[in-house]
N, C-alpha and C. Protein backbone atom coordinates (compact mmCIF):
# COMPACT_ATOMS: atom_id res chain seq x y z
N MET A 1 -8.07 -16.13 -2.61
CA MET A 1 -7.79 -15.26 -3.73
C MET A 1 -6.33 -14.83 -3.69
N PRO A 2 -5.60 -14.95 -4.82
CA PRO A 2 -4.19 -14.55 -4.84
C PRO A 2 -4.03 -13.04 -4.63
N ASP A 3 -2.90 -12.69 -4.09
CA ASP A 3 -2.55 -11.28 -3.84
C ASP A 3 -2.02 -10.69 -5.15
N ALA A 4 -2.80 -9.82 -5.80
CA ALA A 4 -2.44 -9.25 -7.10
C ALA A 4 -1.24 -8.32 -7.04
N ALA A 5 -0.84 -7.89 -5.84
CA ALA A 5 0.30 -6.99 -5.69
C ALA A 5 1.60 -7.74 -5.40
N SER A 6 1.53 -9.01 -5.05
CA SER A 6 2.73 -9.72 -4.59
C SER A 6 3.75 -9.90 -5.72
N LYS A 7 5.00 -9.87 -5.33
CA LYS A 7 6.10 -10.08 -6.26
C LYS A 7 5.97 -11.46 -6.91
N LYS A 8 5.56 -12.43 -6.12
CA LYS A 8 5.39 -13.81 -6.60
C LYS A 8 4.38 -13.89 -7.73
N GLU A 9 3.32 -13.07 -7.66
CA GLU A 9 2.26 -13.07 -8.67
C GLU A 9 2.58 -12.14 -9.85
N GLY A 10 3.66 -11.35 -9.75
CA GLY A 10 4.04 -10.44 -10.82
C GLY A 10 3.86 -8.97 -10.50
N GLY A 11 3.51 -8.64 -9.26
CA GLY A 11 3.37 -7.24 -8.85
C GLY A 11 4.73 -6.56 -8.77
N LYS A 12 4.72 -5.23 -8.92
CA LYS A 12 5.97 -4.46 -8.87
C LYS A 12 5.71 -3.12 -8.18
N ILE A 13 6.69 -2.67 -7.43
CA ILE A 13 6.65 -1.31 -6.89
C ILE A 13 7.25 -0.40 -7.95
N LEU A 14 6.47 0.58 -8.41
CA LEU A 14 6.95 1.50 -9.44
C LEU A 14 7.55 2.77 -8.86
N MET A 15 7.07 3.19 -7.68
CA MET A 15 7.52 4.46 -7.13
C MET A 15 7.22 4.52 -5.65
N VAL A 16 8.15 5.12 -4.90
CA VAL A 16 7.94 5.46 -3.50
C VAL A 16 8.50 6.87 -3.28
N THR A 17 7.97 7.57 -2.29
CA THR A 17 8.43 8.93 -2.04
C THR A 17 9.60 9.01 -1.07
N SER A 18 9.98 7.90 -0.45
CA SER A 18 11.14 7.86 0.45
C SER A 18 11.99 6.66 0.10
N LEU A 19 13.30 6.85 0.13
CA LEU A 19 14.22 5.75 -0.15
C LEU A 19 15.13 5.53 1.05
N ASP A 20 15.18 4.28 1.51
CA ASP A 20 16.07 3.88 2.60
C ASP A 20 16.70 2.57 2.16
N ASP A 21 17.99 2.59 1.86
CA ASP A 21 18.67 1.39 1.35
C ASP A 21 18.55 0.19 2.27
N GLY A 22 18.42 0.44 3.57
CA GLY A 22 18.29 -0.65 4.54
C GLY A 22 16.91 -1.28 4.56
N HIS A 23 15.93 -0.57 4.02
CA HIS A 23 14.55 -1.05 4.02
C HIS A 23 13.90 -0.70 2.67
N PRO A 24 14.29 -1.42 1.61
CA PRO A 24 13.83 -1.07 0.26
C PRO A 24 12.34 -1.33 0.04
N CYS A 25 11.81 -0.67 -0.95
CA CYS A 25 10.37 -0.74 -1.23
C CYS A 25 9.89 -2.13 -1.63
N ASP A 26 10.73 -2.93 -2.27
CA ASP A 26 10.32 -4.28 -2.66
C ASP A 26 9.93 -5.15 -1.47
N ASN A 27 10.38 -4.78 -0.28
CA ASN A 27 10.01 -5.52 0.93
C ASN A 27 8.49 -5.52 1.15
N ILE A 28 7.80 -4.52 0.64
CA ILE A 28 6.36 -4.40 0.84
C ILE A 28 5.61 -5.55 0.17
N ILE A 29 6.14 -6.06 -0.93
CA ILE A 29 5.41 -7.09 -1.70
C ILE A 29 6.13 -8.44 -1.73
N ASP A 30 7.09 -8.64 -0.81
CA ASP A 30 7.84 -9.89 -0.81
C ASP A 30 7.16 -11.03 -0.05
N GLY A 31 6.02 -10.74 0.57
CA GLY A 31 5.27 -11.78 1.28
C GLY A 31 5.75 -12.04 2.70
N GLN A 32 6.73 -11.29 3.17
CA GLN A 32 7.29 -11.48 4.50
C GLN A 32 6.93 -10.29 5.39
N GLU A 33 6.16 -10.52 6.43
CA GLU A 33 5.79 -9.42 7.33
C GLU A 33 6.98 -8.88 8.11
N ALA A 34 8.04 -9.68 8.26
CA ALA A 34 9.21 -9.25 9.02
C ALA A 34 10.06 -8.23 8.25
N SER A 35 9.93 -8.19 6.94
CA SER A 35 10.65 -7.18 6.15
C SER A 35 9.71 -6.01 5.88
N TYR A 36 10.28 -4.84 5.61
CA TYR A 36 9.42 -3.67 5.46
C TYR A 36 10.14 -2.54 4.72
N TRP A 37 9.35 -1.59 4.24
CA TRP A 37 9.82 -0.32 3.71
C TRP A 37 9.64 0.71 4.81
N MET A 38 10.58 1.64 4.92
CA MET A 38 10.47 2.68 5.94
C MET A 38 10.54 4.05 5.29
N SER A 39 9.68 4.94 5.76
CA SER A 39 9.72 6.32 5.28
C SER A 39 10.93 7.02 5.88
N THR A 40 11.29 8.14 5.28
CA THR A 40 12.41 8.93 5.81
C THR A 40 11.91 10.25 6.37
N GLY A 41 10.63 10.28 6.74
CA GLY A 41 10.08 11.46 7.40
C GLY A 41 9.13 12.24 6.51
N LEU A 42 8.31 13.06 7.14
CA LEU A 42 7.33 13.93 6.50
C LEU A 42 6.16 13.15 5.87
N TYR A 43 5.05 13.82 5.77
CA TYR A 43 3.84 13.28 5.17
C TYR A 43 3.27 14.30 4.21
N PRO A 44 2.58 13.86 3.17
CA PRO A 44 2.18 12.48 2.87
C PRO A 44 3.33 11.69 2.24
N GLN A 45 3.18 10.37 2.26
CA GLN A 45 4.06 9.43 1.58
C GLN A 45 3.21 8.67 0.56
N GLU A 46 3.81 8.27 -0.55
CA GLU A 46 3.08 7.52 -1.57
C GLU A 46 3.88 6.30 -2.01
N ILE A 47 3.12 5.24 -2.30
CA ILE A 47 3.69 4.01 -2.84
C ILE A 47 2.81 3.61 -4.02
N LEU A 48 3.41 3.47 -5.19
CA LEU A 48 2.67 3.10 -6.39
C LEU A 48 3.01 1.66 -6.76
N VAL A 49 1.98 0.82 -6.85
CA VAL A 49 2.15 -0.60 -7.11
C VAL A 49 1.49 -0.96 -8.44
N ALA A 50 2.26 -1.63 -9.31
CA ALA A 50 1.69 -2.22 -10.53
C ALA A 50 1.24 -3.62 -10.17
N LEU A 51 -0.03 -3.90 -10.37
CA LEU A 51 -0.57 -5.23 -10.07
C LEU A 51 -0.15 -6.21 -11.17
N LYS A 52 -0.42 -7.47 -10.97
CA LYS A 52 -0.02 -8.50 -11.92
C LYS A 52 -0.65 -8.29 -13.29
N GLY A 53 -1.62 -7.45 -13.37
CA GLY A 53 -2.35 -7.11 -14.59
C GLY A 53 -3.70 -6.57 -14.18
N PRO A 54 -4.55 -6.21 -15.12
CA PRO A 54 -5.88 -5.74 -14.75
C PRO A 54 -6.63 -6.84 -13.99
N CYS A 55 -7.16 -6.50 -12.83
CA CYS A 55 -7.87 -7.50 -12.05
C CYS A 55 -8.95 -6.85 -11.20
N MET A 56 -9.94 -7.64 -10.85
CA MET A 56 -11.02 -7.19 -9.98
C MET A 56 -10.52 -7.23 -8.54
N ILE A 57 -10.67 -6.11 -7.84
CA ILE A 57 -10.24 -6.06 -6.44
C ILE A 57 -11.38 -5.57 -5.56
N SER A 58 -11.40 -6.08 -4.34
CA SER A 58 -12.44 -5.68 -3.39
C SER A 58 -11.87 -5.29 -2.03
N THR A 59 -10.64 -5.73 -1.72
CA THR A 59 -10.04 -5.48 -0.41
C THR A 59 -8.55 -5.19 -0.57
N ILE A 60 -8.08 -4.22 0.19
CA ILE A 60 -6.66 -3.93 0.30
C ILE A 60 -6.28 -4.13 1.76
N LYS A 61 -5.31 -5.00 2.01
CA LYS A 61 -4.90 -5.34 3.37
C LYS A 61 -3.52 -4.75 3.63
N LEU A 62 -3.41 -4.01 4.73
CA LEU A 62 -2.16 -3.36 5.09
C LEU A 62 -1.62 -3.89 6.41
N ALA A 63 -0.30 -3.99 6.50
CA ALA A 63 0.39 -4.21 7.77
C ALA A 63 1.43 -3.09 7.85
N THR A 64 1.31 -2.23 8.87
CA THR A 64 2.13 -1.02 8.96
C THR A 64 2.54 -0.77 10.41
N THR A 65 3.37 0.23 10.62
CA THR A 65 3.60 0.78 11.96
C THR A 65 3.56 2.30 11.87
N ASN A 66 3.03 2.92 12.90
CA ASN A 66 3.00 4.37 13.08
C ASN A 66 2.24 5.13 11.99
N VAL A 67 1.34 4.45 11.29
CA VAL A 67 0.51 5.10 10.26
C VAL A 67 -0.81 5.51 10.90
N LYS A 68 -1.24 6.74 10.63
CA LYS A 68 -2.48 7.25 11.21
C LYS A 68 -3.63 7.24 10.21
N SER A 69 -3.40 7.75 9.00
CA SER A 69 -4.48 7.90 8.03
C SER A 69 -3.98 7.54 6.63
N VAL A 70 -4.80 6.78 5.88
CA VAL A 70 -4.41 6.35 4.54
C VAL A 70 -5.54 6.57 3.54
N ARG A 71 -5.14 6.67 2.29
CA ARG A 71 -6.08 6.67 1.17
C ARG A 71 -5.51 5.70 0.13
N ILE A 72 -6.38 4.87 -0.43
CA ILE A 72 -5.99 3.96 -1.50
C ILE A 72 -6.68 4.43 -2.78
N GLU A 73 -5.90 4.58 -3.84
CA GLU A 73 -6.45 4.96 -5.13
C GLU A 73 -6.11 3.88 -6.14
N GLY A 74 -6.96 3.75 -7.16
CA GLY A 74 -6.75 2.75 -8.20
C GLY A 74 -6.82 3.36 -9.58
N CYS A 75 -6.17 2.71 -10.54
CA CYS A 75 -6.17 3.12 -11.94
C CYS A 75 -6.32 1.86 -12.79
N ALA A 76 -7.27 1.87 -13.72
CA ALA A 76 -7.51 0.71 -14.57
C ALA A 76 -6.88 0.86 -15.95
N GLU A 77 -6.21 1.96 -16.20
CA GLU A 77 -5.62 2.23 -17.51
C GLU A 77 -4.29 1.50 -17.70
N GLU A 78 -3.76 1.54 -18.93
CA GLU A 78 -2.49 0.88 -19.23
C GLU A 78 -1.30 1.58 -18.57
N LYS A 79 -1.45 2.90 -18.36
CA LYS A 79 -0.40 3.68 -17.70
C LYS A 79 -1.01 4.32 -16.45
N PRO A 80 -0.22 4.43 -15.37
CA PRO A 80 -0.76 4.96 -14.10
C PRO A 80 -0.91 6.48 -14.11
N VAL A 81 -2.00 6.96 -14.74
CA VAL A 81 -2.19 8.39 -14.89
C VAL A 81 -3.42 8.89 -14.12
N ASN A 82 -4.58 8.35 -14.41
CA ASN A 82 -5.83 8.81 -13.81
C ASN A 82 -6.29 7.85 -12.72
N PHE A 83 -6.23 8.33 -11.48
CA PHE A 83 -6.59 7.51 -10.33
C PHE A 83 -7.91 7.98 -9.74
N HIS A 84 -8.60 7.04 -9.09
CA HIS A 84 -9.80 7.40 -8.32
C HIS A 84 -9.72 6.71 -6.96
N VAL A 85 -10.37 7.31 -5.98
CA VAL A 85 -10.32 6.80 -4.61
C VAL A 85 -11.05 5.46 -4.52
N LEU A 86 -10.37 4.46 -3.95
CA LEU A 86 -10.97 3.15 -3.70
C LEU A 86 -11.40 3.01 -2.25
N ALA A 87 -10.58 3.53 -1.34
CA ALA A 87 -10.86 3.38 0.10
C ALA A 87 -10.04 4.39 0.88
N GLU A 88 -10.55 4.73 2.07
CA GLU A 88 -9.83 5.60 3.00
C GLU A 88 -10.05 5.07 4.40
N GLY A 89 -9.11 5.33 5.28
CA GLY A 89 -9.31 4.88 6.65
C GLY A 89 -8.24 5.39 7.60
N ASP A 90 -8.56 5.27 8.87
CA ASP A 90 -7.64 5.61 9.95
C ASP A 90 -7.22 4.32 10.64
N LEU A 91 -5.99 4.29 11.10
CA LEU A 91 -5.46 3.13 11.81
C LEU A 91 -5.27 3.48 13.27
N GLU A 92 -5.48 2.49 14.10
CA GLU A 92 -5.35 2.66 15.54
C GLU A 92 -3.88 2.75 15.92
N GLU A 93 -3.55 3.63 16.84
CA GLU A 93 -2.18 3.78 17.34
C GLU A 93 -1.81 2.53 18.15
N LYS A 94 -0.67 1.92 17.81
CA LYS A 94 -0.25 0.67 18.46
C LYS A 94 1.11 0.80 19.14
N GLY A 95 1.59 2.02 19.38
CA GLY A 95 2.86 2.20 20.07
C GLY A 95 4.04 1.58 19.37
N GLY A 96 4.05 1.60 18.04
CA GLY A 96 5.15 1.03 17.27
C GLY A 96 4.97 -0.42 16.90
N SER A 97 3.93 -1.08 17.40
CA SER A 97 3.65 -2.46 17.02
C SER A 97 2.92 -2.49 15.68
N ILE A 98 2.85 -3.66 15.08
CA ILE A 98 2.21 -3.81 13.77
C ILE A 98 0.73 -3.45 13.83
N GLN A 99 0.31 -2.64 12.88
CA GLN A 99 -1.10 -2.29 12.70
C GLN A 99 -1.61 -3.10 11.50
N ILE A 100 -2.73 -3.76 11.66
CA ILE A 100 -3.36 -4.52 10.57
C ILE A 100 -4.65 -3.80 10.21
N LYS A 101 -4.83 -3.53 8.92
CA LYS A 101 -6.04 -2.84 8.48
C LYS A 101 -6.50 -3.42 7.15
N ASP A 102 -7.77 -3.85 7.11
CA ASP A 102 -8.40 -4.29 5.87
C ASP A 102 -9.31 -3.17 5.40
N LEU A 103 -9.07 -2.68 4.20
CA LEU A 103 -9.86 -1.60 3.63
C LEU A 103 -10.69 -2.16 2.48
N LYS A 104 -12.00 -2.02 2.57
CA LYS A 104 -12.91 -2.49 1.53
C LYS A 104 -13.06 -1.40 0.46
N VAL A 105 -13.05 -1.79 -0.79
CA VAL A 105 -13.27 -0.86 -1.89
C VAL A 105 -14.66 -0.26 -1.74
N GLN A 106 -14.76 1.07 -1.85
CA GLN A 106 -16.01 1.79 -1.60
C GLN A 106 -17.18 1.30 -2.45
N ASP A 107 -16.93 0.95 -3.68
CA ASP A 107 -18.02 0.50 -4.56
C ASP A 107 -18.23 -1.01 -4.51
N GLY A 108 -17.64 -1.67 -3.55
CA GLY A 108 -17.76 -3.13 -3.43
C GLY A 108 -16.60 -3.83 -4.11
N SER A 109 -16.38 -3.51 -5.38
CA SER A 109 -15.23 -4.04 -6.12
C SER A 109 -15.02 -3.18 -7.36
N THR A 110 -13.82 -3.26 -7.90
CA THR A 110 -13.49 -2.48 -9.10
C THR A 110 -12.33 -3.17 -9.80
N THR A 111 -12.12 -2.81 -11.05
CA THR A 111 -10.98 -3.30 -11.80
C THR A 111 -9.85 -2.28 -11.70
N ALA A 112 -8.64 -2.78 -11.48
CA ALA A 112 -7.48 -1.90 -11.42
C ALA A 112 -6.25 -2.61 -11.95
N SER A 113 -5.36 -1.83 -12.53
CA SER A 113 -4.04 -2.31 -12.94
C SER A 113 -2.95 -1.78 -12.02
N PHE A 114 -3.27 -0.65 -11.36
CA PHE A 114 -2.33 0.01 -10.46
C PHE A 114 -3.07 0.42 -9.19
N VAL A 115 -2.35 0.37 -8.08
CA VAL A 115 -2.88 0.83 -6.80
C VAL A 115 -1.86 1.77 -6.18
N LYS A 116 -2.35 2.89 -5.68
CA LYS A 116 -1.49 3.87 -5.01
C LYS A 116 -1.91 3.96 -3.54
N LEU A 117 -0.96 3.69 -2.66
CA LEU A 117 -1.16 3.86 -1.22
C LEU A 117 -0.64 5.24 -0.85
N GLN A 118 -1.52 6.08 -0.31
CA GLN A 118 -1.11 7.39 0.19
C GLN A 118 -1.21 7.36 1.71
N ILE A 119 -0.09 7.57 2.36
CA ILE A 119 -0.06 7.68 3.82
C ILE A 119 -0.18 9.17 4.11
N LEU A 120 -1.35 9.57 4.57
CA LEU A 120 -1.66 10.98 4.74
C LEU A 120 -1.07 11.57 6.01
N SER A 121 -1.01 10.74 7.06
CA SER A 121 -0.45 11.20 8.34
C SER A 121 0.01 10.01 9.15
N GLY A 122 0.84 10.30 10.14
CA GLY A 122 1.37 9.25 10.98
C GLY A 122 1.38 9.66 12.44
N TYR A 123 1.62 8.69 13.30
CA TYR A 123 1.71 8.95 14.74
C TYR A 123 3.11 9.43 15.13
N HIS A 124 4.10 9.17 14.25
CA HIS A 124 5.48 9.59 14.49
C HIS A 124 6.05 10.12 13.19
N ASP A 125 7.26 10.66 13.24
CA ASP A 125 7.89 11.20 12.04
C ASP A 125 8.12 10.13 10.98
N PHE A 126 8.39 8.91 11.40
CA PHE A 126 8.67 7.82 10.48
C PHE A 126 7.60 6.74 10.60
N CYS A 127 7.32 6.08 9.48
CA CYS A 127 6.37 4.96 9.50
C CYS A 127 6.97 3.84 8.66
N SER A 128 6.38 2.67 8.77
CA SER A 128 6.82 1.54 7.95
C SER A 128 5.60 0.84 7.37
N VAL A 129 5.82 0.25 6.19
CA VAL A 129 4.80 -0.59 5.56
C VAL A 129 5.43 -1.96 5.39
N HIS A 130 4.83 -2.95 6.04
CA HIS A 130 5.35 -4.33 6.01
C HIS A 130 4.75 -5.10 4.85
N THR A 131 3.44 -4.94 4.64
CA THR A 131 2.80 -5.60 3.51
C THR A 131 1.63 -4.77 3.00
N ILE A 132 1.41 -4.88 1.71
CA ILE A 132 0.17 -4.43 1.09
C ILE A 132 -0.30 -5.60 0.22
N LYS A 133 -1.49 -6.06 0.50
CA LYS A 133 -2.09 -7.16 -0.25
C LYS A 133 -3.34 -6.66 -0.93
N VAL A 134 -3.46 -6.98 -2.21
CA VAL A 134 -4.60 -6.55 -3.00
C VAL A 134 -5.35 -7.79 -3.44
N GLU A 135 -6.60 -7.89 -2.96
CA GLU A 135 -7.41 -9.08 -3.28
C GLU A 135 -8.74 -8.67 -3.87
């Protein structure tokens, strides 16, 4: 199944709560795990992704560092206004190494045009998101 969030498929990052010129937000959807977006401190952090269009999703796959707790929300409307929770989870502490987490949509699957990643807490002041894949 293609990654509905990937830049290659037409996904776009619409908003992030931290900006670091050395690690821009587009790195999250470029398909390269070696590139990443980095927070500039404090929690929560949010990343808003426009998917390639309305699509059925069942799994959100994350590759991160220093992230402790996340919530994924989705919106099926034309504009990213009304979101509902798709999945929540905690990630295992990996001492700064890459954390891989597959989050299943709570209702099995749903249609969404936008996905919001909320990083609720972290193991350190700063965290990074290497990839977010929406399938």
